[in-house]
Amino acid sequence: MRNWKKIVGLLVVMAVWLGLMWRLSTADGTETLQDSMRFARKIGSWIYESPTVQQLNHLNLLLRKLAHVFLYAILGGMMALLWQLLLELHRIGWRILGAAACSTTIAFLDELQKIPIAGRHFDLSESLLNAGSALVVILLFFGIAGLLSRKKSTS
């Protein structure tokens, strides 16, 4: 396995990223609402002259969803790269399956761990958003990798 240094380095980066995600995910519900509302007020003041409570609540919800998309898109990219390095000699389908299975498992476990936390709850739609965000990046990664390998083999 000639990629072991890259794999170890990527695993360290992924551990830090997962630690950040875990920290955000395990915070008290009231605390996370206050944090995201602070961002919503700041951004709302740029977008609207005088934002209403309804506009701020909508913006807050949008920002929270975008945070999920961002966190899991990055995780999906790292997962795709990891499985590319681990199974570079195997069919692309196995690499996609490995990356997708790990990302989806993390997405659902992330939501499950929120059940005992005050002000938090399991939300299937967020699990699906998380897994879907990772999956989109995984498919883009392997789609581009597949195109590049075909182009390389034809030249």
C-alpha atoms as a PDB file:
ATOM      1  CA  MET A   1       0.000   0.000   0.000  1.00  0.00           C
ATOM      2  CA  ARG A   2       1.988   2.947  -1.299  1.00  0.00           C
ATOM      3  CA  ASN A   3      -0.540   5.563  -0.178  1.00  0.00           C
ATOM      4  CA  TRP A   4      -0.282   4.903   3.539  1.00  0.00           C
ATOM      5  CA  LYS A   5       1.141   8.357   4.389  1.00  0.00           C
ATOM      6  CA  LYS A   6      -1.678  10.070   2.495  1.00  0.00           C
ATOM      7  CA  ILE A   7      -4.234   7.805   4.153  1.00  0.00           C
ATOM      8  CA  VAL A   8      -2.895   8.473   7.666  1.00  0.00           C
ATOM      9  CA  GLY A   9      -2.768  12.225   7.006  1.00  0.00           C
ATOM     10  CA  LEU A  10      -6.309  12.199   5.660  1.00  0.00           C
ATOM     11  CA  LEU A  11      -7.523  10.175   8.649  1.00  0.00           C
ATOM     12  CA  VAL A  12      -6.037  12.782  11.001  1.00  0.00           C
ATOM     13  CA  VAL A  13      -7.782  15.611   9.123  1.00  0.00           C
ATOM     14  CA  MET A  14     -11.036  13.621   9.106  1.00  0.00           C
ATOM     15  CA  ALA A  15     -10.748  12.995  12.863  1.00  0.00           C
ATOM     16  CA  VAL A  16     -10.384  16.741  13.464  1.00  0.00           C
ATOM     17  CA  TRP A  17     -13.355  17.458  11.157  1.00  0.00           C
ATOM     18  CA  LEU A  18     -15.493  14.814  12.857  1.00  0.00           C
ATOM     19  CA  GLY A  19     -14.478  16.281  16.232  1.00  0.00           C
ATOM     20  CA  LEU A  20     -15.690  19.699  15.090  1.00  0.00           C
ATOM     21  CA  MET A  21     -18.938  18.188  13.839  1.00  0.00           C
ATOM     22  CA  TRP A  22     -19.398  16.287  17.106  1.00  0.00           C
ATOM     23  CA  ARG A  23     -18.777  19.457  19.128  1.00  0.00           C
ATOM     24  CA  LEU A  24     -21.410  21.357  17.143  1.00  0.00           C
ATOM     25  CA  SER A  25     -23.838  18.453  17.263  1.00  0.00           C
ATOM     26  CA  THR A  26     -23.642  17.873  21.009  1.00  0.00           C
ATOM     27  CA  ALA A  27     -24.111  21.502  22.049  1.00  0.00           C
ATOM     28  CA  ASP A  28     -27.229  22.402  24.016  1.00  0.00           C
ATOM     29  CA  GLY A  29     -30.197  23.307  21.798  1.00  0.00           C
ATOM     30  CA  THR A  30     -30.691  26.743  23.347  1.00  0.00           C
ATOM     31  CA  GLU A  31     -27.011  27.538  22.885  1.00  0.00           C
ATOM     32  CA  THR A  32     -26.979  26.543  19.207  1.00  0.00           C
ATOM     33  CA  LEU A  33     -30.181  28.499  18.546  1.00  0.00           C
ATOM     34  CA  GLN A  34     -28.662  31.629  20.092  1.00  0.00           C
ATOM     35  CA  ASP A  35     -25.467  31.212  18.063  1.00  0.00           C
ATOM     36  CA  SER A  36     -27.247  30.705  14.759  1.00  0.00           C
ATOM     37  CA  MET A  37     -29.702  33.550  15.490  1.00  0.00           C
ATOM     38  CA  ARG A  38     -26.755  35.891  16.074  1.00  0.00           C
ATOM     39  CA  PHE A  39     -25.518  35.063  12.551  1.00  0.00           C
ATOM     40  CA  ALA A  40     -29.044  35.442  11.177  1.00  0.00           C
ATOM     41  CA  ARG A  41     -29.330  38.941  12.699  1.00  0.00           C
ATOM     42  CA  LYS A  42     -25.981  39.975  11.250  1.00  0.00           C
ATOM     43  CA  ILE A  43     -26.752  38.640   7.770  1.00  0.00           C
ATOM     44  CA  GLY A  44     -30.353  39.834   7.994  1.00  0.00           C
ATOM     45  CA  SER A  45     -29.157  43.397   8.599  1.00  0.00           C
ATOM     46  CA  TRP A  46     -27.202  43.205   5.315  1.00  0.00           C
ATOM     47  CA  ILE A  47     -30.109  41.763   3.322  1.00  0.00           C
ATOM     48  CA  TYR A  48     -33.071  43.646   4.794  1.00  0.00           C
ATOM     49  CA  GLU A  49     -33.315  47.264   5.841  1.00  0.00           C
ATOM     50  CA  SER A  50     -35.128  46.338   9.032  1.00  0.00           C
ATOM     51  CA  PRO A  51     -35.575  42.553   9.283  1.00  0.00           C
ATOM     52  CA  THR A  52     -38.752  41.234  10.885  1.00  0.00           C
ATOM     53  CA  VAL A  53     -38.804  38.387  13.393  1.00  0.00           C
ATOM     54  CA  GLN A  54     -40.320  36.170  10.709  1.00  0.00           C
ATOM     55  CA  GLN A  55     -37.525  37.028   8.245  1.00  0.00           C
ATOM     56  CA  LEU A  56     -34.883  36.368  10.890  1.00  0.00           C
ATOM     57  CA  ASN A  57     -36.452  33.031  11.848  1.00  0.00           C
ATOM     58  CA  HIS A  58     -36.542  31.985   8.180  1.00  0.00           C
ATOM     59  CA  LEU A  59     -32.943  33.096   7.660  1.00  0.00           C
ATOM     60  CA  ASN A  60     -31.907  31.268  10.837  1.00  0.00           C
ATOM     61  CA  LEU A  61     -33.470  28.026   9.597  1.00  0.00           C
ATOM     62  CA  LEU A  62     -31.788  28.455   6.204  1.00  0.00           C
ATOM     63  CA  LEU A  63     -28.392  29.074   7.817  1.00  0.00           C
ATOM     64  CA  ARG A  64     -28.769  25.990  10.009  1.00  0.00           C
ATOM     65  CA  LYS A  65     -29.606  23.823   6.974  1.00  0.00           C
ATOM     66  CA  LEU A  66     -26.699  25.308   4.991  1.00  0.00           C
ATOM     67  CA  ALA A  67     -24.368  24.461   7.885  1.00  0.00           C
ATOM     68  CA  HIS A  68     -25.453  20.819   7.618  1.00  0.00           C
ATOM     69  CA  VAL A  69     -24.901  20.847   3.853  1.00  0.00           C
ATOM     70  CA  PHE A  70     -21.455  22.431   4.214  1.00  0.00           C
ATOM     71  CA  LEU A  71     -20.252  20.116   6.995  1.00  0.00           C
ATOM     72  CA  TYR A  72     -21.379  16.948   5.226  1.00  0.00           C
ATOM     73  CA  ALA A  73     -20.253  18.052   1.763  1.00  0.00           C
ATOM     74  CA  ILE A  74     -16.727  18.438   3.149  1.00  0.00           C
ATOM     75  CA  LEU A  75     -17.021  15.077   4.931  1.00  0.00           C
ATOM     76  CA  GLY A  76     -18.244  13.469   1.695  1.00  0.00           C
ATOM     77  CA  GLY A  77     -15.253  14.838  -0.208  1.00  0.00           C
ATOM     78  CA  MET A  78     -12.818  13.535   2.385  1.00  0.00           C
ATOM     79  CA  MET A  79     -14.600  10.179   2.481  1.00  0.00           C
ATOM     80  CA  ALA A  80     -14.436   9.897  -1.320  1.00  0.00           C
ATOM     81  CA  LEU A  81     -10.720  10.659  -1.281  1.00  0.00           C
ATOM     82  CA  LEU A  82     -10.136   8.122   1.500  1.00  0.00           C
ATOM     83  CA  TRP A  83     -11.938   5.343  -0.356  1.00  0.00           C
ATOM     84  CA  GLN A  84     -10.161   6.297  -3.583  1.00  0.00           C
ATOM     85  CA  LEU A  85      -6.837   5.820  -1.809  1.00  0.00           C
ATOM     86  CA  LEU A  86      -7.907   2.651   0.009  1.00  0.00           C
ATOM     87  CA  LEU A  87      -9.392   0.850  -2.996  1.00  0.00           C
ATOM     88  CA  GLU A  88      -7.624   2.444  -5.963  1.00  0.00           C
ATOM     89  CA  LEU A  89      -7.192  -0.951  -7.633  1.00  0.00           C
ATOM     90  CA  HIS A  90     -10.834  -1.951  -7.220  1.00  0.00           C
ATOM     91  CA  ARG A  91     -13.889  -1.064  -9.261  1.00  0.00           C
ATOM     92  CA  ILE A  92     -15.191   2.455  -8.809  1.00  0.00           C
ATOM     93  CA  GLY A  93     -18.515   1.087  -7.542  1.00  0.00           C
ATOM     94  CA  TRP A  94     -16.846  -0.359  -4.440  1.00  0.00           C
ATOM     95  CA  ARG A  95     -15.176   3.003  -3.729  1.00  0.00           C
ATOM     96  CA  ILE A  96     -18.495   4.839  -4.088  1.00  0.00           C
ATOM     97  CA  LEU A  97     -20.265   2.268  -1.924  1.00  0.00           C
ATOM     98  CA  GLY A  98     -17.638   2.495   0.836  1.00  0.00           C
ATOM     99  CA  ALA A  99     -17.670   6.295   0.910  1.00  0.00           C
ATOM    100  CA  ALA A 100     -21.476   6.469   0.752  1.00  0.00           C
ATOM    101  CA  ALA A 101     -21.975   3.817   3.446  1.00  0.00           C
ATOM    102  CA  CYS A 102     -19.578   5.505   5.875  1.00  0.00           C
ATOM    103  CA  SER A 103     -21.008   8.982   5.272  1.00  0.00           C
ATOM    104  CA  THR A 104     -24.599   7.790   5.609  1.00  0.00           C
ATOM    105  CA  THR A 105     -23.803   5.898   8.813  1.00  0.00           C
ATOM    106  CA  ILE A 106     -22.165   8.987  10.311  1.00  0.00           C
ATOM    107  CA  ALA A 107     -25.129  11.150   9.239  1.00  0.00           C
ATOM    108  CA  PHE A 108     -27.632   8.933  11.043  1.00  0.00           C
ATOM    109  CA  LEU A 109     -25.453   8.400  14.119  1.00  0.00           C
ATOM    110  CA  ASP A 110     -24.961  12.152  14.346  1.00  0.00           C
ATOM    111  CA  GLU A 111     -28.707  12.663  14.592  1.00  0.00           C
ATOM    112  CA  LEU A 112     -29.204   9.739  17.001  1.00  0.00           C
ATOM    113  CA  GLN A 113     -26.692  11.142  19.475  1.00  0.00           C
ATOM    114  CA  LYS A 114     -28.842  14.287  19.821  1.00  0.00           C
ATOM    115  CA  ILE A 115     -31.740  12.437  21.485  1.00  0.00           C
ATOM    116  CA  PRO A 116     -30.544  12.799  25.112  1.00  0.00           C
ATOM    117  CA  ILE A 117     -29.317  16.409  24.662  1.00  0.00           C
ATOM    118  CA  ALA A 118     -31.533  19.176  26.065  1.00  0.00           C
ATOM    119  CA  GLY A 119     -33.287  21.077  23.306  1.00  0.00           C
ATOM    120  CA  ARG A 120     -32.144  18.663  20.593  1.00  0.00           C
ATOM    121  CA  HIS A 121     -33.882  15.745  18.893  1.00  0.00           C
ATOM    122  CA  PHE A 122     -33.504  13.149  16.154  1.00  0.00           C
ATOM    123  CA  ASP A 123     -34.622  14.562  12.815  1.00  0.00           C
ATOM    124  CA  LEU A 124     -34.860  12.116   9.907  1.00  0.00           C
ATOM    125  CA  SER A 125     -34.977  14.958   7.367  1.00  0.00           C
ATOM    126  CA  GLU A 126     -31.668  16.312   8.689  1.00  0.00           C
ATOM    127  CA  SER A 127     -30.136  12.836   8.509  1.00  0.00           C
ATOM    128  CA  LEU A 128     -31.231  12.606   4.889  1.00  0.00           C
ATOM    129  CA  LEU A 129     -29.955  16.135   4.166  1.00  0.00           C
ATOM    130  CA  ASN A 130     -26.598  15.254   5.740  1.00  0.00           C
ATOM    131  CA  ALA A 131     -26.265  11.956   3.871  1.00  0.00           C
ATOM    132  CA  GLY A 132     -27.498  13.529   0.631  1.00  0.00           C
ATOM    133  CA  SER A 133     -24.974  16.367   0.856  1.00  0.00           C
ATOM    134  CA  ALA A 134     -22.134  13.910   1.313  1.00  0.00           C
ATOM    135  CA  LEU A 135     -23.448  11.652  -1.458  1.00  0.00           C
ATOM    136  CA  VAL A 136     -23.631  14.491  -3.992  1.00  0.00           C
ATOM    137  CA  VAL A 137     -19.970  15.333  -3.404  1.00  0.00           C
ATOM    138  CA  ILE A 138     -18.986  11.649  -3.486  1.00  0.00           C
ATOM    139  CA  LEU A 139     -20.719  11.158  -6.840  1.00  0.00           C
ATOM    140  CA  LEU A 140     -19.169  14.362  -8.225  1.00  0.00           C
ATOM    141  CA  PHE A 141     -15.735  13.260  -7.039  1.00  0.00           C
ATOM    142  CA  PHE A 142     -15.943   9.830  -8.643  1.00  0.00           C
ATOM    143  CA  GLY A 143     -17.652  11.196 -11.741  1.00  0.00           C
ATOM    144  CA  ILE A 144     -14.787  13.618 -12.316  1.00  0.00           C
ATOM    145  CA  ALA A 145     -12.221  10.935 -11.417  1.00  0.00           C
ATOM    146  CA  GLY A 146     -13.841   8.582 -13.930  1.00  0.00           C
ATOM    147  CA  LEU A 147     -13.781  11.222 -16.674  1.00  0.00           C
ATOM    148  CA  LEU A 148     -10.158  12.056 -15.973  1.00  0.00           C
ATOM    149  CA  SER A 149      -9.092   8.402 -16.020  1.00  0.00           C
ATOM    150  CA  ARG A 150     -10.913   7.833 -19.340  1.00  0.00           C
ATOM    151  CA  LYS A 151      -9.327  10.938 -20.819  1.00  0.00           C
ATOM    152  CA  LYS A 152      -5.901   9.822 -19.571  1.00  0.00           C
ATOM    153  CA  SER A 153      -6.305   6.321 -21.032  1.00  0.00           C
ATOM    154  CA  THR A 154      -7.382   7.630 -24.466  1.00  0.00           C
ATOM    155  CA  SER A 155      -4.433  10.017 -24.801  1.00  0.00           C
END
